[in-house]
Every structure is written in structure tokens, then in C-alpha cells.
Amino acid sequence: MQISTSFLTSKNIPKDLRILNETDTDFIHVDVLDGKFVKEKSLPFKEMKHIYKYTSKRLDIHLMVEKPEKFIDDYAKLNAEYITFNMEVDSDIESCLKKIKSYAIKCGLAISPDTKVKELVPYLPLLDAVLVLGVYPGKGGQEFIPETKEKIKELKVLLKEYKSKAKIIVDGGINDKTKKKIPKVDILVSGNYILSGEDYQKQISSLRK
């Protein structure tokens, strides 16, 4: 299982990114919030683009934005392994997925707690990943929604039925206890749990067990 560490709740982003760069976390999870799709706003791209100064880790970028097509070109310039966006957007989803792929970056769709997994079906042939949110999008540090467990099970059945090789990523409320309550997935995203510990590597290692 791979680990992607979010810095959404970080009080000192450069410092935390430098420390995380010395751990074995597989990815740095970058949450992009536009203040429209969700109330919160993240750092603007003019600041986010300097992330390479603090970490050489591959990035797992989640666009929680109203119009992902306006953000893809910029974030594709970074060291991105994945770019995902929420399927609840009012945009041409297929066009956005193809745009991400045109940069040779893996594309994914994120589904909020109230979204049914069957809504992914039309896009499965294009997907490299499905990001299941265990909390409502926006704020970091929220508690994991228990029903997420059933959603992951449904998604596994769906991917098998359609012979999709999309990776399953779970984000939101993930810690050493909640991760034991869900089926095994490909990538766990955790932020608050890792950054609230004194030893980031120890926290990351506990998620791999």
C-alpha cells in the first residue's frame, strides 16, 4: 500500500515538506481549493509552483475546484503523478480527463460521500484512479465517515465488473485506527494524523502496517 501525505493542515508548509521529503512517503498530496467548489481556499498557484524547492517527491494533486479545466495546464507543470478532480463539477468531465492524459499524467475522479459509485461508469475507460472521500471535501482534520467502508466495497466490485485497473485512493479522516476499518486499497491519503505526530516517519509507517 502506498501513502500520500497531505499538507492541508500544515502551519509551516516549507518546513513540513522538507521533513516529509526525508521520509518514505510515496507522494505529497496537494489539495487545490478555489473557494467556490468548497468554501476554503488554498495557496494560489503562483505560490504552489515553488513546491519543488522543498520536496522532490511525486505529487498527487486533488483539484477541489468548480472549473478543473482552468487549473489543469498550470498543475501539469509540476511533478505530478496523479491529477484528480471531483466528478460533481459542472464541467465536461471526459474533456478534462483527456486533457490531463495529454500531459502523460495519470488522471482520476474523486467522489464525495453522497455520490454513488455507479456514476463513475461512463468514465472508467479513461480512469487511472478513483479517489474516495471519507469526509466532505474542503477542511482537513475531519472525522472519517464510517459508510465509506461500504462505498469502497462497491467500488471494488464495480472496477472488477468493468475490468478497470484504476487504483483506489482513500482520503479524509485516515489514521492508524480508521485505516483498519476499510478494505485494503492502493493509496491512503493522510494529513492531520501524520503532521500532528512528533515523528512523521513513524506515523507513515503505522499506516503501512
N, C-alpha and C. Protein backbone atom coordinates (compact mmCIF):
# COMPACT_ATOMS: atom_id res chain seq x y z
N MET A 1 0.84 -1.19 0.00
CA MET A 1 0.00 0.00 0.00
C MET A 1 0.88 1.26 0.00
N GLN A 2 0.49 2.22 -0.81
CA GLN A 2 1.26 3.46 -0.87
C GLN A 2 0.61 4.54 0.01
N ILE A 3 1.44 5.48 0.43
CA ILE A 3 0.97 6.57 1.28
C ILE A 3 1.21 7.91 0.59
N SER A 4 0.18 8.74 0.62
CA SER A 4 0.28 10.10 0.09
C SER A 4 0.00 11.05 1.24
N THR A 5 0.93 11.94 1.53
CA THR A 5 0.80 12.83 2.68
C THR A 5 0.33 14.21 2.28
N SER A 6 -0.77 14.63 2.91
CA SER A 6 -1.34 15.95 2.64
C SER A 6 -0.77 16.99 3.61
N PHE A 7 -0.55 18.21 3.11
CA PHE A 7 -0.07 19.28 3.98
C PHE A 7 -1.15 20.35 4.18
N LEU A 8 -2.41 19.97 3.94
CA LEU A 8 -3.53 20.92 4.03
C LEU A 8 -3.61 21.58 5.41
N THR A 9 -3.30 20.84 6.48
CA THR A 9 -3.41 21.39 7.83
C THR A 9 -2.07 21.91 8.36
N SER A 10 -1.07 21.96 7.52
CA SER A 10 0.26 22.39 7.96
C SER A 10 0.26 23.87 8.37
N LYS A 11 0.97 24.14 9.47
CA LYS A 11 1.14 25.53 9.93
C LYS A 11 2.43 26.13 9.38
N ASN A 12 3.30 25.26 8.88
CA ASN A 12 4.57 25.72 8.30
C ASN A 12 4.89 24.81 7.11
N ILE A 13 4.34 25.14 5.96
CA ILE A 13 4.42 24.27 4.79
C ILE A 13 5.86 23.97 4.35
N PRO A 14 6.73 24.99 4.17
CA PRO A 14 8.10 24.67 3.74
C PRO A 14 8.80 23.70 4.69
N LYS A 15 8.67 23.93 6.00
CA LYS A 15 9.32 23.08 6.99
C LYS A 15 8.78 21.65 6.90
N ASP A 16 7.46 21.51 6.85
CA ASP A 16 6.86 20.17 6.81
C ASP A 16 7.21 19.43 5.52
N LEU A 17 7.24 20.14 4.41
CA LEU A 17 7.60 19.49 3.15
C LEU A 17 9.05 19.00 3.17
N ARG A 18 9.92 19.77 3.76
CA ARG A 18 11.34 19.35 3.86
C ARG A 18 11.46 18.08 4.71
N ILE A 19 10.71 18.05 5.83
CA ILE A 19 10.76 16.87 6.69
C ILE A 19 10.18 15.66 5.95
N LEU A 20 9.04 15.86 5.29
CA LEU A 20 8.39 14.76 4.56
C LEU A 20 9.27 14.24 3.43
N ASN A 21 10.09 15.12 2.88
CA ASN A 21 10.97 14.71 1.78
C ASN A 21 12.00 13.69 2.24
N GLU A 22 12.26 13.66 3.55
CA GLU A 22 13.23 12.71 4.11
C GLU A 22 12.55 11.42 4.57
N THR A 23 11.24 11.35 4.47
CA THR A 23 10.51 10.12 4.85
C THR A 23 10.33 9.24 3.62
N ASP A 24 9.68 8.08 3.81
CA ASP A 24 9.42 7.21 2.65
C ASP A 24 7.99 7.36 2.13
N THR A 25 7.32 8.48 2.46
CA THR A 25 6.00 8.70 1.88
C THR A 25 6.13 8.62 0.35
N ASP A 26 5.17 7.99 -0.28
CA ASP A 26 5.27 7.78 -1.74
C ASP A 26 4.95 9.05 -2.53
N PHE A 27 3.99 9.82 -2.01
CA PHE A 27 3.57 11.04 -2.71
C PHE A 27 3.30 12.15 -1.71
N ILE A 28 3.33 13.37 -2.21
CA ILE A 28 2.81 14.53 -1.47
C ILE A 28 1.46 14.85 -2.08
N HIS A 29 0.43 14.87 -1.25
CA HIS A 29 -0.93 15.13 -1.71
C HIS A 29 -1.18 16.64 -1.68
N VAL A 30 -1.49 17.19 -2.83
CA VAL A 30 -1.70 18.63 -2.96
C VAL A 30 -3.20 18.91 -3.15
N ASP A 31 -3.81 19.53 -2.14
CA ASP A 31 -5.22 19.91 -2.24
C ASP A 31 -5.31 21.32 -2.81
N VAL A 32 -6.07 21.45 -3.89
CA VAL A 32 -6.27 22.77 -4.51
C VAL A 32 -7.73 23.17 -4.31
N LEU A 33 -7.96 24.20 -3.52
CA LEU A 33 -9.31 24.65 -3.18
C LEU A 33 -9.53 26.06 -3.71
N ASP A 34 -10.63 26.25 -4.43
CA ASP A 34 -10.83 27.53 -5.11
C ASP A 34 -11.77 28.51 -4.40
N GLY A 35 -12.33 28.11 -3.24
CA GLY A 35 -13.26 28.99 -2.55
C GLY A 35 -14.63 29.03 -3.20
N LYS A 36 -14.85 28.19 -4.22
CA LYS A 36 -16.14 28.15 -4.92
C LYS A 36 -16.75 26.75 -4.81
N PHE A 37 -16.02 25.75 -5.29
CA PHE A 37 -16.50 24.37 -5.15
C PHE A 37 -16.60 24.01 -3.67
N VAL A 38 -15.63 24.50 -2.90
CA VAL A 38 -15.66 24.41 -1.43
C VAL A 38 -15.42 25.81 -0.89
N LYS A 39 -15.78 26.04 0.37
CA LYS A 39 -15.65 27.38 0.95
C LYS A 39 -14.20 27.80 1.13
N GLU A 40 -13.36 26.84 1.45
CA GLU A 40 -11.97 27.13 1.76
C GLU A 40 -11.16 27.42 0.49
N LYS A 41 -10.06 28.14 0.68
CA LYS A 41 -9.13 28.42 -0.42
C LYS A 41 -7.74 27.97 -0.02
N SER A 42 -7.02 27.42 -0.97
CA SER A 42 -5.64 27.01 -0.72
C SER A 42 -4.70 28.07 -1.30
N LEU A 43 -3.41 27.82 -1.20
CA LEU A 43 -2.43 28.75 -1.76
C LEU A 43 -2.65 28.91 -3.26
N PRO A 44 -2.49 30.12 -3.79
CA PRO A 44 -2.61 30.30 -5.25
C PRO A 44 -1.46 29.60 -5.97
N PHE A 45 -1.64 29.34 -7.25
CA PHE A 45 -0.61 28.61 -8.00
C PHE A 45 0.73 29.35 -8.00
N LYS A 46 0.71 30.66 -7.99
CA LYS A 46 1.98 31.42 -8.02
C LYS A 46 2.85 31.09 -6.80
N GLU A 47 2.23 30.62 -5.71
CA GLU A 47 3.00 30.17 -4.55
C GLU A 47 3.20 28.65 -4.59
N MET A 48 2.16 27.93 -5.00
CA MET A 48 2.23 26.46 -5.04
C MET A 48 3.30 25.97 -6.01
N LYS A 49 3.57 26.73 -7.04
CA LYS A 49 4.53 26.27 -8.06
C LYS A 49 5.95 26.15 -7.50
N HIS A 50 6.18 26.73 -6.32
CA HIS A 50 7.52 26.66 -5.72
C HIS A 50 7.71 25.42 -4.85
N ILE A 51 6.75 24.53 -4.88
CA ILE A 51 6.81 23.32 -4.04
C ILE A 51 8.08 22.51 -4.30
N TYR A 52 8.59 22.58 -5.54
CA TYR A 52 9.78 21.81 -5.90
C TYR A 52 11.01 22.21 -5.08
N LYS A 53 10.98 23.41 -4.50
CA LYS A 53 12.11 23.87 -3.68
C LYS A 53 12.21 23.09 -2.37
N TYR A 54 11.09 22.49 -1.97
CA TYR A 54 11.03 21.85 -0.66
C TYR A 54 10.90 20.32 -0.72
N THR A 55 10.49 19.81 -1.86
CA THR A 55 10.35 18.35 -1.98
C THR A 55 10.57 17.88 -3.41
N SER A 56 11.19 16.72 -3.52
CA SER A 56 11.38 16.11 -4.84
C SER A 56 10.39 14.96 -5.04
N LYS A 57 9.50 14.76 -4.05
CA LYS A 57 8.51 13.69 -4.14
C LYS A 57 7.53 13.94 -5.27
N ARG A 58 7.04 12.86 -5.85
CA ARG A 58 5.99 12.98 -6.86
C ARG A 58 4.71 13.49 -6.18
N LEU A 59 3.92 14.24 -6.93
CA LEU A 59 2.73 14.87 -6.37
C LEU A 59 1.46 14.14 -6.78
N ASP A 60 0.54 14.11 -5.86
CA ASP A 60 -0.80 13.54 -6.06
C ASP A 60 -1.74 14.74 -5.86
N ILE A 61 -2.20 15.31 -6.97
CA ILE A 61 -2.92 16.60 -6.92
C ILE A 61 -4.43 16.39 -6.99
N HIS A 62 -5.14 16.96 -6.04
CA HIS A 62 -6.60 16.87 -6.00
C HIS A 62 -7.18 18.27 -6.20
N LEU A 63 -7.82 18.47 -7.34
CA LEU A 63 -8.44 19.75 -7.66
C LEU A 63 -9.87 19.79 -7.12
N MET A 64 -10.05 20.45 -5.97
CA MET A 64 -11.41 20.65 -5.43
C MET A 64 -11.86 22.02 -5.90
N VAL A 65 -12.16 22.09 -7.19
CA VAL A 65 -12.43 23.37 -7.84
C VAL A 65 -13.67 23.26 -8.72
N GLU A 66 -14.28 24.40 -8.97
CA GLU A 66 -15.50 24.45 -9.76
C GLU A 66 -15.25 24.15 -11.23
N LYS A 67 -14.14 24.67 -11.75
CA LYS A 67 -13.81 24.51 -13.18
C LYS A 67 -12.41 23.91 -13.32
N PRO A 68 -12.28 22.59 -13.24
CA PRO A 68 -10.94 21.97 -13.29
C PRO A 68 -10.16 22.31 -14.56
N GLU A 69 -10.88 22.53 -15.66
CA GLU A 69 -10.20 22.82 -16.92
C GLU A 69 -9.34 24.08 -16.84
N LYS A 70 -9.64 24.97 -15.89
CA LYS A 70 -8.88 26.21 -15.73
C LYS A 70 -7.59 26.00 -14.92
N PHE A 71 -7.45 24.85 -14.29
CA PHE A 71 -6.32 24.59 -13.41
C PHE A 71 -5.35 23.55 -13.96
N ILE A 72 -5.82 22.71 -14.86
CA ILE A 72 -5.01 21.57 -15.31
C ILE A 72 -3.70 21.99 -15.95
N ASP A 73 -3.72 22.98 -16.83
CA ASP A 73 -2.49 23.39 -17.51
C ASP A 73 -1.41 23.82 -16.53
N ASP A 74 -1.79 24.57 -15.51
CA ASP A 74 -0.80 25.02 -14.52
C ASP A 74 -0.25 23.86 -13.70
N TYR A 75 -1.13 23.04 -13.15
CA TYR A 75 -0.68 21.98 -12.25
C TYR A 75 0.02 20.84 -12.98
N ALA A 76 -0.20 20.74 -14.28
CA ALA A 76 0.51 19.74 -15.08
C ALA A 76 1.99 20.10 -15.22
N LYS A 77 2.35 21.34 -14.89
CA LYS A 77 3.75 21.77 -14.96
C LYS A 77 4.56 21.27 -13.77
N LEU A 78 3.85 20.84 -12.73
CA LEU A 78 4.53 20.37 -11.53
C LEU A 78 4.88 18.88 -11.66
N ASN A 79 5.51 18.35 -10.64
CA ASN A 79 5.99 16.97 -10.67
C ASN A 79 4.85 16.00 -10.30
N ALA A 80 3.80 16.02 -11.13
CA ALA A 80 2.57 15.29 -10.79
C ALA A 80 2.56 13.86 -11.31
N GLU A 81 2.21 12.95 -10.41
CA GLU A 81 1.96 11.55 -10.78
C GLU A 81 0.48 11.39 -11.13
N TYR A 82 -0.36 12.02 -10.30
CA TYR A 82 -1.82 11.98 -10.50
C TYR A 82 -2.40 13.39 -10.43
N ILE A 83 -3.39 13.64 -11.26
CA ILE A 83 -4.26 14.81 -11.08
C ILE A 83 -5.69 14.29 -11.06
N THR A 84 -6.38 14.53 -9.96
CA THR A 84 -7.78 14.13 -9.85
C THR A 84 -8.63 15.36 -9.62
N PHE A 85 -9.90 15.25 -9.97
CA PHE A 85 -10.84 16.32 -9.67
C PHE A 85 -12.19 15.69 -9.33
N ASN A 86 -13.04 16.44 -8.67
CA ASN A 86 -14.33 15.90 -8.25
C ASN A 86 -15.30 15.77 -9.40
N MET A 87 -16.00 14.63 -9.44
CA MET A 87 -16.92 14.42 -10.56
C MET A 87 -18.21 15.20 -10.39
N GLU A 88 -18.38 15.88 -9.25
CA GLU A 88 -19.58 16.67 -9.04
C GLU A 88 -19.48 18.06 -9.67
N VAL A 89 -18.45 18.30 -10.46
CA VAL A 89 -18.26 19.61 -11.10
C VAL A 89 -19.22 19.79 -12.28
N ASP A 90 -19.42 21.05 -12.62
CA ASP A 90 -20.26 21.38 -13.78
C ASP A 90 -19.33 21.66 -14.97
N SER A 91 -18.63 20.63 -15.39
CA SER A 91 -17.68 20.74 -16.50
C SER A 91 -17.79 19.51 -17.37
N ASP A 92 -17.15 19.55 -18.52
CA ASP A 92 -17.09 18.39 -19.40
C ASP A 92 -16.04 17.45 -18.82
N ILE A 93 -16.49 16.46 -18.07
CA ILE A 93 -15.58 15.57 -17.34
C ILE A 93 -14.64 14.82 -18.28
N GLU A 94 -15.19 14.27 -19.35
CA GLU A 94 -14.36 13.50 -20.29
C GLU A 94 -13.27 14.36 -20.89
N SER A 95 -13.62 15.59 -21.26
CA SER A 95 -12.64 16.51 -21.84
C SER A 95 -11.52 16.81 -20.85
N CYS A 96 -11.87 17.01 -19.58
CA CYS A 96 -10.87 17.29 -18.55
C CYS A 96 -9.94 16.10 -18.33
N LEU A 97 -10.50 14.90 -18.32
CA LEU A 97 -9.68 13.70 -18.14
C LEU A 97 -8.69 13.55 -19.31
N LYS A 98 -9.18 13.78 -20.50
CA LYS A 98 -8.31 13.66 -21.68
C LYS A 98 -7.22 14.73 -21.67
N LYS A 99 -7.56 15.89 -21.14
CA LYS A 99 -6.57 16.97 -21.06
C LYS A 99 -5.44 16.59 -20.11
N ILE A 100 -5.78 15.98 -18.98
CA ILE A 100 -4.76 15.52 -18.04
C ILE A 100 -3.88 14.47 -18.70
N LYS A 101 -4.51 13.52 -19.37
CA LYS A 101 -3.76 12.44 -20.04
C LYS A 101 -2.84 12.97 -21.13
N SER A 102 -3.22 14.09 -21.74
CA SER A 102 -2.40 14.66 -22.82
C SER A 102 -1.02 15.09 -22.31
N TYR A 103 -0.91 15.27 -21.00
CA TYR A 103 0.37 15.63 -20.39
C TYR A 103 1.12 14.40 -19.88
N ALA A 104 0.61 13.22 -20.21
CA ALA A 104 1.20 11.95 -19.74
C ALA A 104 1.19 11.88 -18.20
N ILE A 105 0.12 12.42 -17.62
CA ILE A 105 -0.11 12.37 -16.17
C ILE A 105 -1.33 11.49 -15.93
N LYS A 106 -1.28 10.69 -14.88
CA LYS A 106 -2.41 9.81 -14.57
C LYS A 106 -3.60 10.65 -14.09
N CYS A 107 -4.78 10.29 -14.58
CA CYS A 107 -5.97 11.08 -14.24
C CYS A 107 -6.91 10.28 -13.34
N GLY A 108 -7.64 11.01 -12.52
CA GLY A 108 -8.58 10.36 -11.62
C GLY A 108 -9.79 11.21 -11.34
N LEU A 109 -10.83 10.55 -10.85
CA LEU A 109 -12.03 11.25 -10.40
C LEU A 109 -12.22 11.01 -8.92
N ALA A 110 -12.58 12.07 -8.21
CA ALA A 110 -12.88 11.98 -6.79
C ALA A 110 -14.39 11.96 -6.61
N ILE A 111 -14.86 11.14 -5.67
CA ILE A 111 -16.30 11.10 -5.41
C ILE A 111 -16.55 11.46 -3.94
N SER A 112 -17.45 12.41 -3.75
CA SER A 112 -17.83 12.87 -2.42
C SER A 112 -18.72 11.83 -1.74
N PRO A 113 -18.90 11.93 -0.42
CA PRO A 113 -19.68 10.93 0.32
C PRO A 113 -21.09 10.67 -0.22
N ASP A 114 -21.73 11.66 -0.81
CA ASP A 114 -23.11 11.48 -1.28
C ASP A 114 -23.21 11.01 -2.74
N THR A 115 -22.08 10.85 -3.41
CA THR A 115 -22.07 10.44 -4.82
C THR A 115 -22.03 8.91 -4.93
N LYS A 116 -22.88 8.36 -5.79
CA LYS A 116 -22.94 6.91 -5.99
C LYS A 116 -21.79 6.45 -6.89
N VAL A 117 -21.20 5.30 -6.57
CA VAL A 117 -20.07 4.82 -7.37
C VAL A 117 -20.48 4.50 -8.81
N LYS A 118 -21.74 4.13 -9.03
CA LYS A 118 -22.18 3.79 -10.38
C LYS A 118 -22.08 4.98 -11.35
N GLU A 119 -22.02 6.19 -10.80
CA GLU A 119 -21.90 7.38 -11.64
C GLU A 119 -20.54 7.46 -12.33
N LEU A 120 -19.60 6.64 -11.89
CA LEU A 120 -18.27 6.60 -12.50
C LEU A 120 -18.25 5.83 -13.82
N VAL A 121 -19.23 4.98 -14.02
CA VAL A 121 -19.22 4.03 -15.15
C VAL A 121 -18.85 4.64 -16.50
N PRO A 122 -19.45 5.77 -16.91
CA PRO A 122 -19.12 6.30 -18.24
C PRO A 122 -17.64 6.67 -18.41
N TYR A 123 -16.95 6.90 -17.30
CA TYR A 123 -15.58 7.41 -17.38
C TYR A 123 -14.51 6.35 -17.07
N LEU A 124 -14.94 5.16 -16.70
CA LEU A 124 -13.98 4.12 -16.29
C LEU A 124 -12.89 3.83 -17.32
N PRO A 125 -13.20 3.82 -18.62
CA PRO A 125 -12.13 3.52 -19.59
C PRO A 125 -10.97 4.52 -19.56
N LEU A 126 -11.24 5.72 -19.06
CA LEU A 126 -10.21 6.77 -19.04
C LEU A 126 -9.46 6.84 -17.72
N LEU A 127 -10.03 6.25 -16.67
CA LEU A 127 -9.51 6.49 -15.32
C LEU A 127 -8.30 5.64 -14.93
N ASP A 128 -7.32 6.33 -14.34
CA ASP A 128 -6.18 5.65 -13.73
C ASP A 128 -6.39 5.51 -12.22
N ALA A 129 -7.30 6.31 -11.68
CA ALA A 129 -7.54 6.30 -10.24
C ALA A 129 -8.95 6.79 -9.91
N VAL A 130 -9.46 6.28 -8.79
CA VAL A 130 -10.70 6.80 -8.20
C VAL A 130 -10.37 7.19 -6.77
N LEU A 131 -10.63 8.44 -6.44
CA LEU A 131 -10.37 8.95 -5.10
C LEU A 131 -11.67 8.97 -4.31
N VAL A 132 -11.77 8.11 -3.32
CA VAL A 132 -12.97 8.03 -2.48
C VAL A 132 -12.76 8.94 -1.28
N LEU A 133 -13.64 9.92 -1.11
CA LEU A 133 -13.52 10.83 0.01
C LEU A 133 -14.25 10.29 1.24
N GLY A 134 -13.51 10.15 2.32
CA GLY A 134 -14.10 9.66 3.57
C GLY A 134 -14.65 10.78 4.43
N VAL A 135 -14.59 12.01 3.90
CA VAL A 135 -15.14 13.19 4.56
C VAL A 135 -15.73 14.08 3.46
N TYR A 136 -16.45 15.10 3.86
CA TYR A 136 -16.94 16.06 2.86
C TYR A 136 -15.79 16.96 2.44
N PRO A 137 -15.66 17.26 1.14
CA PRO A 137 -14.49 18.00 0.65
C PRO A 137 -14.36 19.39 1.27
N GLY A 138 -13.09 19.77 1.48
CA GLY A 138 -12.82 21.11 1.98
C GLY A 138 -11.83 21.12 3.12
N LYS A 139 -12.34 21.06 4.34
CA LYS A 139 -11.49 21.18 5.53
C LYS A 139 -10.70 19.91 5.83
N GLY A 140 -9.46 20.11 6.30
CA GLY A 140 -8.67 19.00 6.79
C GLY A 140 -9.04 18.71 8.24
N GLY A 141 -8.68 17.54 8.73
CA GLY A 141 -8.90 17.21 10.13
C GLY A 141 -10.30 16.73 10.48
N GLN A 142 -11.14 16.45 9.47
CA GLN A 142 -12.49 15.96 9.75
C GLN A 142 -12.47 14.48 10.15
N GLU A 143 -13.55 14.05 10.80
CA GLU A 143 -13.67 12.65 11.20
C GLU A 143 -14.14 11.80 10.03
N PHE A 144 -13.58 10.61 9.94
CA PHE A 144 -13.89 9.65 8.89
C PHE A 144 -15.36 9.21 8.95
N ILE A 145 -16.02 9.20 7.80
CA ILE A 145 -17.42 8.76 7.72
C ILE A 145 -17.45 7.24 7.58
N PRO A 146 -18.04 6.51 8.57
CA PRO A 146 -17.99 5.04 8.58
C PRO A 146 -18.55 4.37 7.32
N GLU A 147 -19.56 5.00 6.69
CA GLU A 147 -20.18 4.40 5.49
C GLU A 147 -19.22 4.30 4.32
N THR A 148 -18.08 4.98 4.43
CA THR A 148 -17.08 4.93 3.36
C THR A 148 -16.63 3.49 3.09
N LYS A 149 -16.64 2.68 4.14
CA LYS A 149 -16.23 1.28 4.02
C LYS A 149 -17.07 0.57 2.96
N GLU A 150 -18.39 0.77 3.01
CA GLU A 150 -19.29 0.12 2.04
C GLU A 150 -19.08 0.66 0.64
N LYS A 151 -18.79 1.95 0.56
CA LYS A 151 -18.55 2.56 -0.75
C LYS A 151 -17.31 1.96 -1.42
N ILE A 152 -16.28 1.72 -0.63
CA ILE A 152 -15.06 1.11 -1.17
C ILE A 152 -15.35 -0.30 -1.66
N LYS A 153 -16.13 -1.05 -0.88
CA LYS A 153 -16.50 -2.40 -1.30
C LYS A 153 -17.26 -2.36 -2.63
N GLU A 154 -18.21 -1.44 -2.76
CA GLU A 154 -18.99 -1.29 -4.01
C GLU A 154 -18.08 -0.95 -5.17
N LEU A 155 -17.13 -0.06 -4.91
CA LEU A 155 -16.21 0.36 -5.96
C LEU A 155 -15.35 -0.80 -6.43
N LYS A 156 -14.89 -1.63 -5.52
CA LYS A 156 -14.07 -2.80 -5.89
C LYS A 156 -14.86 -3.72 -6.81
N VAL A 157 -16.12 -3.94 -6.50
CA VAL A 157 -16.99 -4.79 -7.32
C VAL A 157 -17.17 -4.17 -8.71
N LEU A 158 -17.41 -2.85 -8.73
CA LEU A 158 -17.62 -2.14 -9.99
C LEU A 158 -16.39 -2.21 -10.89
N LEU A 159 -15.22 -1.97 -10.31
CA LEU A 159 -13.98 -1.98 -11.10
C LEU A 159 -13.72 -3.38 -11.66
N LYS A 160 -14.00 -4.39 -10.87
CA LYS A 160 -13.81 -5.77 -11.33
C LYS A 160 -14.78 -6.10 -12.46
N GLU A 161 -16.03 -5.67 -12.29
CA GLU A 161 -17.07 -5.94 -13.28
C GLU A 161 -16.72 -5.32 -14.64
N TYR A 162 -16.16 -4.11 -14.60
CA TYR A 162 -15.84 -3.41 -15.85
C TYR A 162 -14.37 -3.59 -16.26
N LYS A 163 -13.68 -4.50 -15.55
CA LYS A 163 -12.28 -4.81 -15.86
C LYS A 163 -11.40 -3.56 -15.88
N SER A 164 -11.69 -2.65 -14.95
CA SER A 164 -10.91 -1.42 -14.82
C SER A 164 -9.71 -1.66 -13.91
N LYS A 165 -8.57 -1.11 -14.29
CA LYS A 165 -7.37 -1.22 -13.48
C LYS A 165 -7.10 0.05 -12.67
N ALA A 166 -8.13 0.89 -12.55
CA ALA A 166 -7.97 2.14 -11.80
C ALA A 166 -7.59 1.86 -10.35
N LYS A 167 -6.63 2.62 -9.85
CA LYS A 167 -6.22 2.50 -8.45
C LYS A 167 -7.30 3.11 -7.57
N ILE A 168 -7.44 2.56 -6.36
CA ILE A 168 -8.38 3.13 -5.40
C ILE A 168 -7.58 3.92 -4.36
N ILE A 169 -7.92 5.20 -4.26
CA ILE A 169 -7.29 6.10 -3.29
C ILE A 169 -8.36 6.51 -2.28
N VAL A 170 -8.02 6.53 -1.01
CA VAL A 170 -8.96 6.98 0.01
C VAL A 170 -8.36 8.15 0.77
N ASP A 171 -9.16 9.20 0.93
CA ASP A 171 -8.69 10.43 1.55
C ASP A 171 -9.75 10.96 2.51
N GLY A 172 -9.30 11.40 3.67
CA GLY A 172 -10.22 12.04 4.62
C GLY A 172 -10.37 11.26 5.91
N GLY A 173 -9.86 11.81 7.00
CA GLY A 173 -10.01 11.16 8.30
C GLY A 173 -9.21 9.89 8.47
N ILE A 174 -8.15 9.74 7.65
CA ILE A 174 -7.36 8.50 7.71
C ILE A 174 -6.30 8.58 8.81
N ASN A 175 -6.34 7.58 9.70
CA ASN A 175 -5.30 7.44 10.72
C ASN A 175 -5.07 5.95 10.96
N ASP A 176 -4.27 5.61 11.95
CA ASP A 176 -3.93 4.20 12.18
C ASP A 176 -5.14 3.36 12.60
N LYS A 177 -6.18 4.01 13.12
CA LYS A 177 -7.38 3.28 13.54
C LYS A 177 -8.40 3.15 12.41
N THR A 178 -8.68 4.27 11.72
CA THR A 178 -9.70 4.22 10.66
C THR A 178 -9.24 3.37 9.49
N LYS A 179 -7.94 3.30 9.26
CA LYS A 179 -7.46 2.52 8.11
C LYS A 179 -7.72 1.02 8.29
N LYS A 180 -7.87 0.60 9.56
CA LYS A 180 -8.18 -0.80 9.84
C LYS A 180 -9.66 -1.13 9.61
N LYS A 181 -10.48 -0.10 9.46
CA LYS A 181 -11.92 -0.30 9.29
C LYS A 181 -12.34 -0.39 7.83
N ILE A 182 -11.39 -0.21 6.92
CA ILE A 182 -11.74 -0.23 5.49
C ILE A 182 -11.01 -1.36 4.77
N PRO A 183 -11.55 -1.80 3.64
CA PRO A 183 -10.84 -2.82 2.84
C PRO A 183 -9.51 -2.26 2.35
N LYS A 184 -8.59 -3.14 2.03
CA LYS A 184 -7.29 -2.70 1.53
C LYS A 184 -7.45 -1.95 0.21
N VAL A 185 -6.77 -0.81 0.11
CA VAL A 185 -6.82 0.00 -1.11
C VAL A 185 -5.39 0.21 -1.61
N ASP A 186 -5.25 0.93 -2.71
CA ASP A 186 -3.93 1.12 -3.31
C ASP A 186 -3.14 2.25 -2.67
N ILE A 187 -3.85 3.36 -2.37
CA ILE A 187 -3.18 4.54 -1.80
C ILE A 187 -4.03 5.13 -0.69
N LEU A 188 -3.40 5.37 0.45
CA LEU A 188 -4.06 6.07 1.56
C LEU A 188 -3.52 7.49 1.63
N VAL A 189 -4.42 8.45 1.71
CA VAL A 189 -4.03 9.85 1.88
C VAL A 189 -4.26 10.23 3.33
N SER A 190 -3.25 10.78 3.95
CA SER A 190 -3.38 11.22 5.34
C SER A 190 -2.61 12.52 5.53
N GLY A 191 -3.19 13.42 6.29
CA GLY A 191 -2.53 14.70 6.52
C GLY A 191 -2.43 15.00 8.00
N ASN A 192 -3.56 15.29 8.60
CA ASN A 192 -3.58 15.71 10.00
C ASN A 192 -2.94 14.67 10.92
N TYR A 193 -3.23 13.38 10.67
CA TYR A 193 -2.67 12.31 11.51
C TYR A 193 -1.14 12.29 11.44
N ILE A 194 -0.60 12.44 10.22
CA ILE A 194 0.86 12.41 10.06
C ILE A 194 1.50 13.66 10.64
N LEU A 195 0.94 14.82 10.31
CA LEU A 195 1.56 16.08 10.72
C LEU A 195 1.39 16.39 12.20
N SER A 196 0.43 15.75 12.85
CA SER A 196 0.22 16.00 14.28
C SER A 196 1.14 15.15 15.15
N GLY A 197 1.85 14.24 14.53
CA GLY A 197 2.79 13.39 15.27
C GLY A 197 4.17 14.05 15.36
N GLU A 198 4.93 13.68 16.35
CA GLU A 198 6.28 14.23 16.51
C GLU A 198 7.24 13.63 15.49
N ASP A 199 6.97 12.39 15.09
CA ASP A 199 7.84 11.68 14.15
C ASP A 199 7.01 11.31 12.92
N TYR A 200 7.16 12.08 11.84
CA TYR A 200 6.33 11.86 10.63
C TYR A 200 6.55 10.47 10.05
N GLN A 201 7.80 10.00 10.07
CA GLN A 201 8.08 8.67 9.52
C GLN A 201 7.37 7.59 10.32
N LYS A 202 7.35 7.74 11.63
CA LYS A 202 6.66 6.76 12.48
C LYS A 202 5.17 6.71 12.15
N GLN A 203 4.57 7.88 11.94
CA GLN A 203 3.15 7.94 11.61
C GLN A 203 2.88 7.28 10.25
N ILE A 204 3.74 7.57 9.28
CA ILE A 204 3.59 6.99 7.94
C ILE A 204 3.72 5.46 8.00
N SER A 205 4.72 5.00 8.73
CA SER A 205 4.95 3.55 8.86
C SER A 205 3.77 2.85 9.50
N SER A 206 3.10 3.52 10.44
CA SER A 206 1.95 2.90 11.12
C SER A 206 0.78 2.71 10.16
N LEU A 207 0.72 3.53 9.12
CA LEU A 207 -0.36 3.40 8.12
C LEU A 207 -0.09 2.25 7.16
N ARG A 208 1.16 1.87 7.02
CA ARG A 208 1.51 0.78 6.09
C ARG A 208 1.26 -0.60 6.70
N LYS A 209 1.16 -0.69 8.03
CA LYS A 209 1.04 -1.99 8.71
C LYS A 209 -0.26 -2.69 8.35
